[in-house]
């Protein structure tokens, strides 16, 4: 993978809604309401934080899909950093 390709992936990963993204799953993180991705706060208990971003709702998919998508916002930058670190070795 070229540095240009990594840069393109990195640009996509840091654009859009502010990180971190947290999967909010009914029955796990809250007791009623929809499953969604909470954005811009560090943990699910911070839901009243005025810095919180807009929630992201999926119209289909599984709970596992929602968890994967939410975590990708943090995972992809970490993977890019690790690829760059390994390339320097």
N, C-alpha and C. Protein backbone atom coordinates (compact mmCIF):
# COMPACT_ATOMS: atom_id res chain seq x y z
N UNK A 1 0.85 -1.17 0.00
CA UNK A 1 0.00 0.00 0.00
C UNK A 1 0.89 1.23 0.00
N UNK A 2 0.57 2.16 -0.87
CA UNK A 2 1.38 3.36 -0.99
C UNK A 2 1.00 4.39 0.06
N UNK A 3 1.90 5.35 0.26
CA UNK A 3 1.60 6.44 1.20
C UNK A 3 0.40 7.25 0.70
N UNK A 4 0.30 7.40 -0.61
CA UNK A 4 -0.85 8.12 -1.17
C UNK A 4 -2.16 7.41 -0.81
N UNK A 5 -2.18 6.09 -0.94
CA UNK A 5 -3.39 5.33 -0.58
C UNK A 5 -3.69 5.46 0.91
N UNK A 6 -2.66 5.37 1.74
CA UNK A 6 -2.86 5.55 3.19
C UNK A 6 -3.41 6.94 3.49
N UNK A 7 -2.87 7.95 2.80
CA UNK A 7 -3.34 9.33 3.01
C UNK A 7 -4.80 9.49 2.62
N UNK A 8 -5.20 8.86 1.53
CA UNK A 8 -6.60 8.94 1.09
C UNK A 8 -7.53 8.29 2.12
N UNK A 9 -7.12 7.14 2.63
CA UNK A 9 -7.92 6.46 3.67
C UNK A 9 -7.97 7.32 4.93
N UNK A 10 -6.82 7.86 5.31
CA UNK A 10 -6.76 8.70 6.50
C UNK A 10 -7.65 9.94 6.35
N UNK A 11 -7.62 10.57 5.18
CA UNK A 11 -8.47 11.74 4.95
C UNK A 11 -9.94 11.40 5.11
N UNK A 12 -10.36 10.24 4.58
CA UNK A 12 -11.75 9.83 4.74
C UNK A 12 -12.08 9.55 6.20
N UNK A 13 -11.13 8.95 6.91
CA UNK A 13 -11.40 8.55 8.30
C UNK A 13 -11.51 9.73 9.25
N UNK A 14 -10.81 10.81 8.96
CA UNK A 14 -10.86 11.97 9.86
C UNK A 14 -11.91 13.01 9.44
N UNK A 15 -12.49 12.84 8.27
CA UNK A 15 -13.52 13.77 7.84
C UNK A 15 -14.87 13.34 8.43
N UNK A 16 -15.84 14.14 8.22
CA UNK A 16 -17.18 13.78 8.69
C UNK A 16 -17.38 14.10 10.16
N UNK A 17 -18.27 13.40 10.75
CA UNK A 17 -18.68 13.65 12.13
C UNK A 17 -17.54 13.39 13.11
N UNK A 18 -17.45 14.28 14.08
CA UNK A 18 -16.38 14.25 15.08
C UNK A 18 -16.32 12.91 15.82
N UNK A 19 -15.09 12.43 16.01
CA UNK A 19 -14.85 11.23 16.82
C UNK A 19 -14.79 11.62 18.29
N UNK A 20 -14.86 10.67 19.19
CA UNK A 20 -15.06 9.25 18.95
C UNK A 20 -16.52 8.92 18.64
N UNK A 21 -16.70 7.74 18.10
CA UNK A 21 -18.04 7.21 17.86
C UNK A 21 -18.26 6.05 18.82
N UNK A 22 -19.43 6.01 19.43
CA UNK A 22 -19.74 4.98 20.41
C UNK A 22 -21.01 4.24 19.99
N UNK A 23 -20.95 2.91 19.86
CA UNK A 23 -22.17 2.17 19.54
C UNK A 23 -23.10 2.16 20.76
N UNK A 24 -24.33 2.55 20.54
CA UNK A 24 -25.34 2.57 21.60
C UNK A 24 -26.39 1.51 21.25
N UNK A 25 -26.39 0.44 22.03
CA UNK A 25 -27.23 -0.72 21.74
C UNK A 25 -28.24 -0.90 22.86
N UNK A 26 -29.52 -0.89 22.48
CA UNK A 26 -30.58 -1.08 23.47
C UNK A 26 -30.36 -2.42 24.19
N UNK A 27 -30.47 -2.37 25.52
CA UNK A 27 -30.27 -3.55 26.33
C UNK A 27 -28.84 -3.73 26.79
N UNK A 28 -27.92 -2.97 26.20
CA UNK A 28 -26.52 -3.03 26.61
C UNK A 28 -26.08 -1.69 27.19
N UNK A 29 -26.22 -0.63 26.40
CA UNK A 29 -25.79 0.70 26.86
C UNK A 29 -26.94 1.57 27.35
N UNK A 30 -28.14 1.20 26.97
CA UNK A 30 -29.31 1.93 27.44
C UNK A 30 -30.52 0.99 27.43
N UNK A 31 -31.58 1.39 28.13
CA UNK A 31 -32.69 0.45 28.34
C UNK A 31 -33.87 0.64 27.40
N UNK A 32 -33.93 1.74 26.70
CA UNK A 32 -35.06 1.90 25.77
C UNK A 32 -34.65 2.83 24.63
N UNK A 33 -35.30 2.64 23.49
CA UNK A 33 -35.01 3.46 22.33
C UNK A 33 -34.28 2.69 21.25
N UNK A 34 -33.87 3.41 20.25
CA UNK A 34 -33.22 2.81 19.09
C UNK A 34 -31.74 2.51 19.35
N UNK A 35 -31.19 1.64 18.51
CA UNK A 35 -29.75 1.47 18.44
C UNK A 35 -29.23 2.61 17.56
N UNK A 36 -28.08 3.19 17.93
CA UNK A 36 -27.52 4.30 17.15
C UNK A 36 -26.05 4.45 17.49
N UNK A 37 -25.38 5.35 16.79
CA UNK A 37 -23.99 5.68 17.08
C UNK A 37 -23.96 7.09 17.67
N UNK A 38 -23.45 7.20 18.89
CA UNK A 38 -23.31 8.50 19.54
C UNK A 38 -21.93 9.05 19.17
N UNK A 39 -21.85 10.32 18.87
CA UNK A 39 -20.61 10.90 18.39
C UNK A 39 -20.11 12.05 19.26
N UNK A 40 -18.80 12.22 19.23
CA UNK A 40 -18.19 13.40 19.83
C UNK A 40 -17.99 13.38 21.33
N UNK A 41 -18.25 12.28 22.00
CA UNK A 41 -18.02 12.17 23.44
C UNK A 41 -17.23 10.89 23.71
N UNK A 42 -16.61 10.81 24.89
CA UNK A 42 -15.70 9.71 25.17
C UNK A 42 -16.35 8.45 25.72
N UNK A 43 -17.55 8.55 26.27
CA UNK A 43 -18.21 7.34 26.76
C UNK A 43 -19.72 7.52 26.76
N UNK A 44 -20.42 6.42 26.87
CA UNK A 44 -21.88 6.44 26.75
C UNK A 44 -22.55 7.18 27.90
N UNK A 45 -21.85 7.35 29.03
CA UNK A 45 -22.43 8.10 30.16
C UNK A 45 -22.39 9.61 29.94
N UNK A 46 -21.74 10.04 28.89
CA UNK A 46 -21.56 11.47 28.61
C UNK A 46 -22.63 12.00 27.65
N UNK A 47 -23.78 11.35 27.61
CA UNK A 47 -24.81 11.68 26.62
C UNK A 47 -25.39 13.08 26.76
N UNK A 48 -25.24 13.75 27.90
CA UNK A 48 -25.77 15.10 28.07
C UNK A 48 -24.72 16.18 27.80
N UNK A 49 -23.53 15.80 27.41
CA UNK A 49 -22.44 16.73 27.14
C UNK A 49 -22.84 17.65 25.98
N UNK A 50 -22.73 18.98 26.16
CA UNK A 50 -23.10 19.91 25.09
C UNK A 50 -22.18 19.82 23.87
N UNK A 51 -21.00 19.20 24.02
CA UNK A 51 -20.08 19.01 22.90
C UNK A 51 -20.43 17.79 22.05
N UNK A 52 -21.41 17.03 22.49
CA UNK A 52 -21.82 15.83 21.77
C UNK A 52 -22.27 16.19 20.36
N UNK A 53 -21.88 15.33 19.41
CA UNK A 53 -22.27 15.55 18.02
C UNK A 53 -23.63 14.95 17.73
N UNK A 54 -23.99 14.95 16.45
CA UNK A 54 -25.25 14.35 16.02
C UNK A 54 -25.17 12.84 16.10
N UNK A 55 -26.27 12.21 16.45
CA UNK A 55 -26.35 10.75 16.46
C UNK A 55 -26.45 10.25 15.02
N UNK A 56 -25.93 9.05 14.80
CA UNK A 56 -26.00 8.40 13.49
C UNK A 56 -26.88 7.17 13.64
N UNK A 57 -27.88 7.07 12.78
CA UNK A 57 -28.80 5.92 12.79
C UNK A 57 -28.62 5.13 11.50
N UNK A 58 -28.63 3.81 11.62
CA UNK A 58 -28.61 2.94 10.45
C UNK A 58 -30.03 2.46 10.21
N UNK A 59 -30.42 2.38 8.97
CA UNK A 59 -31.78 1.95 8.66
C UNK A 59 -31.89 0.44 8.52
N UNK A 60 -30.75 -0.23 8.43
CA UNK A 60 -30.77 -1.69 8.39
C UNK A 60 -29.43 -2.19 8.89
N UNK A 61 -29.24 -3.48 8.89
CA UNK A 61 -28.01 -4.07 9.39
C UNK A 61 -28.21 -4.66 10.77
N UNK A 62 -27.17 -5.29 11.26
CA UNK A 62 -27.23 -5.95 12.56
C UNK A 62 -26.58 -5.09 13.63
N UNK A 63 -26.75 -5.50 14.86
CA UNK A 63 -26.06 -4.82 15.97
C UNK A 63 -24.55 -4.91 15.77
N UNK A 64 -24.10 -6.03 15.25
CA UNK A 64 -22.67 -6.20 15.00
C UNK A 64 -22.18 -5.22 13.93
N UNK A 65 -23.01 -4.96 12.91
CA UNK A 65 -22.66 -3.97 11.89
C UNK A 65 -22.50 -2.59 12.51
N UNK A 66 -23.44 -2.22 13.37
CA UNK A 66 -23.40 -0.92 14.03
C UNK A 66 -22.14 -0.81 14.89
N UNK A 67 -21.80 -1.85 15.62
CA UNK A 67 -20.60 -1.85 16.46
C UNK A 67 -19.36 -1.70 15.59
N UNK A 68 -19.30 -2.43 14.47
CA UNK A 68 -18.16 -2.35 13.57
C UNK A 68 -18.01 -0.94 13.00
N UNK A 69 -19.09 -0.37 12.52
CA UNK A 69 -19.04 0.96 11.90
C UNK A 69 -18.62 2.01 12.93
N UNK A 70 -19.20 1.94 14.12
CA UNK A 70 -18.85 2.91 15.16
C UNK A 70 -17.37 2.82 15.51
N UNK A 71 -16.87 1.62 15.68
CA UNK A 71 -15.47 1.45 16.08
C UNK A 71 -14.50 1.75 14.95
N UNK A 72 -14.94 1.66 13.70
CA UNK A 72 -14.06 1.97 12.57
C UNK A 72 -13.54 3.40 12.64
N UNK A 73 -14.32 4.31 13.20
CA UNK A 73 -13.89 5.72 13.30
C UNK A 73 -12.62 5.84 14.13
N UNK A 74 -12.43 4.97 15.11
CA UNK A 74 -11.22 4.96 15.93
C UNK A 74 -10.21 3.94 15.40
N UNK A 75 -10.69 2.80 14.91
CA UNK A 75 -9.80 1.71 14.50
C UNK A 75 -8.96 2.06 13.28
N UNK A 76 -9.55 2.71 12.30
CA UNK A 76 -8.83 2.99 11.05
C UNK A 76 -7.63 3.91 11.28
N UNK A 77 -7.76 5.02 12.01
CA UNK A 77 -6.56 5.82 12.26
C UNK A 77 -5.48 5.04 13.01
N UNK A 78 -5.88 4.17 13.93
CA UNK A 78 -4.90 3.35 14.65
C UNK A 78 -4.20 2.38 13.71
N UNK A 79 -4.94 1.77 12.81
CA UNK A 79 -4.35 0.85 11.84
C UNK A 79 -3.38 1.58 10.90
N UNK A 80 -3.76 2.76 10.45
CA UNK A 80 -2.89 3.55 9.57
C UNK A 80 -1.59 3.89 10.29
N UNK A 81 -1.69 4.30 11.54
CA UNK A 81 -0.48 4.62 12.31
C UNK A 81 0.41 3.39 12.46
N UNK A 82 -0.18 2.23 12.69
CA UNK A 82 0.60 1.00 12.83
C UNK A 82 1.25 0.61 11.50
N UNK A 83 0.54 0.77 10.39
CA UNK A 83 1.13 0.48 9.08
C UNK A 83 2.33 1.38 8.84
N UNK A 84 2.18 2.65 9.13
CA UNK A 84 3.30 3.58 8.93
C UNK A 84 4.48 3.24 9.84
N UNK A 85 4.20 2.86 11.07
CA UNK A 85 5.26 2.48 12.00
C UNK A 85 6.01 1.26 11.47
N UNK A 86 5.26 0.26 11.02
CA UNK A 86 5.89 -0.96 10.51
C UNK A 86 6.69 -0.71 9.23
N UNK A 87 6.21 0.19 8.39
CA UNK A 87 6.92 0.50 7.14
C UNK A 87 8.27 1.16 7.43
N UNK A 88 8.37 1.87 8.55
CA UNK A 88 9.63 2.54 8.90
C UNK A 88 10.69 1.54 9.39
N UNK A 89 10.25 0.38 9.83
CA UNK A 89 11.21 -0.60 10.39
C UNK A 89 12.11 -1.20 9.34
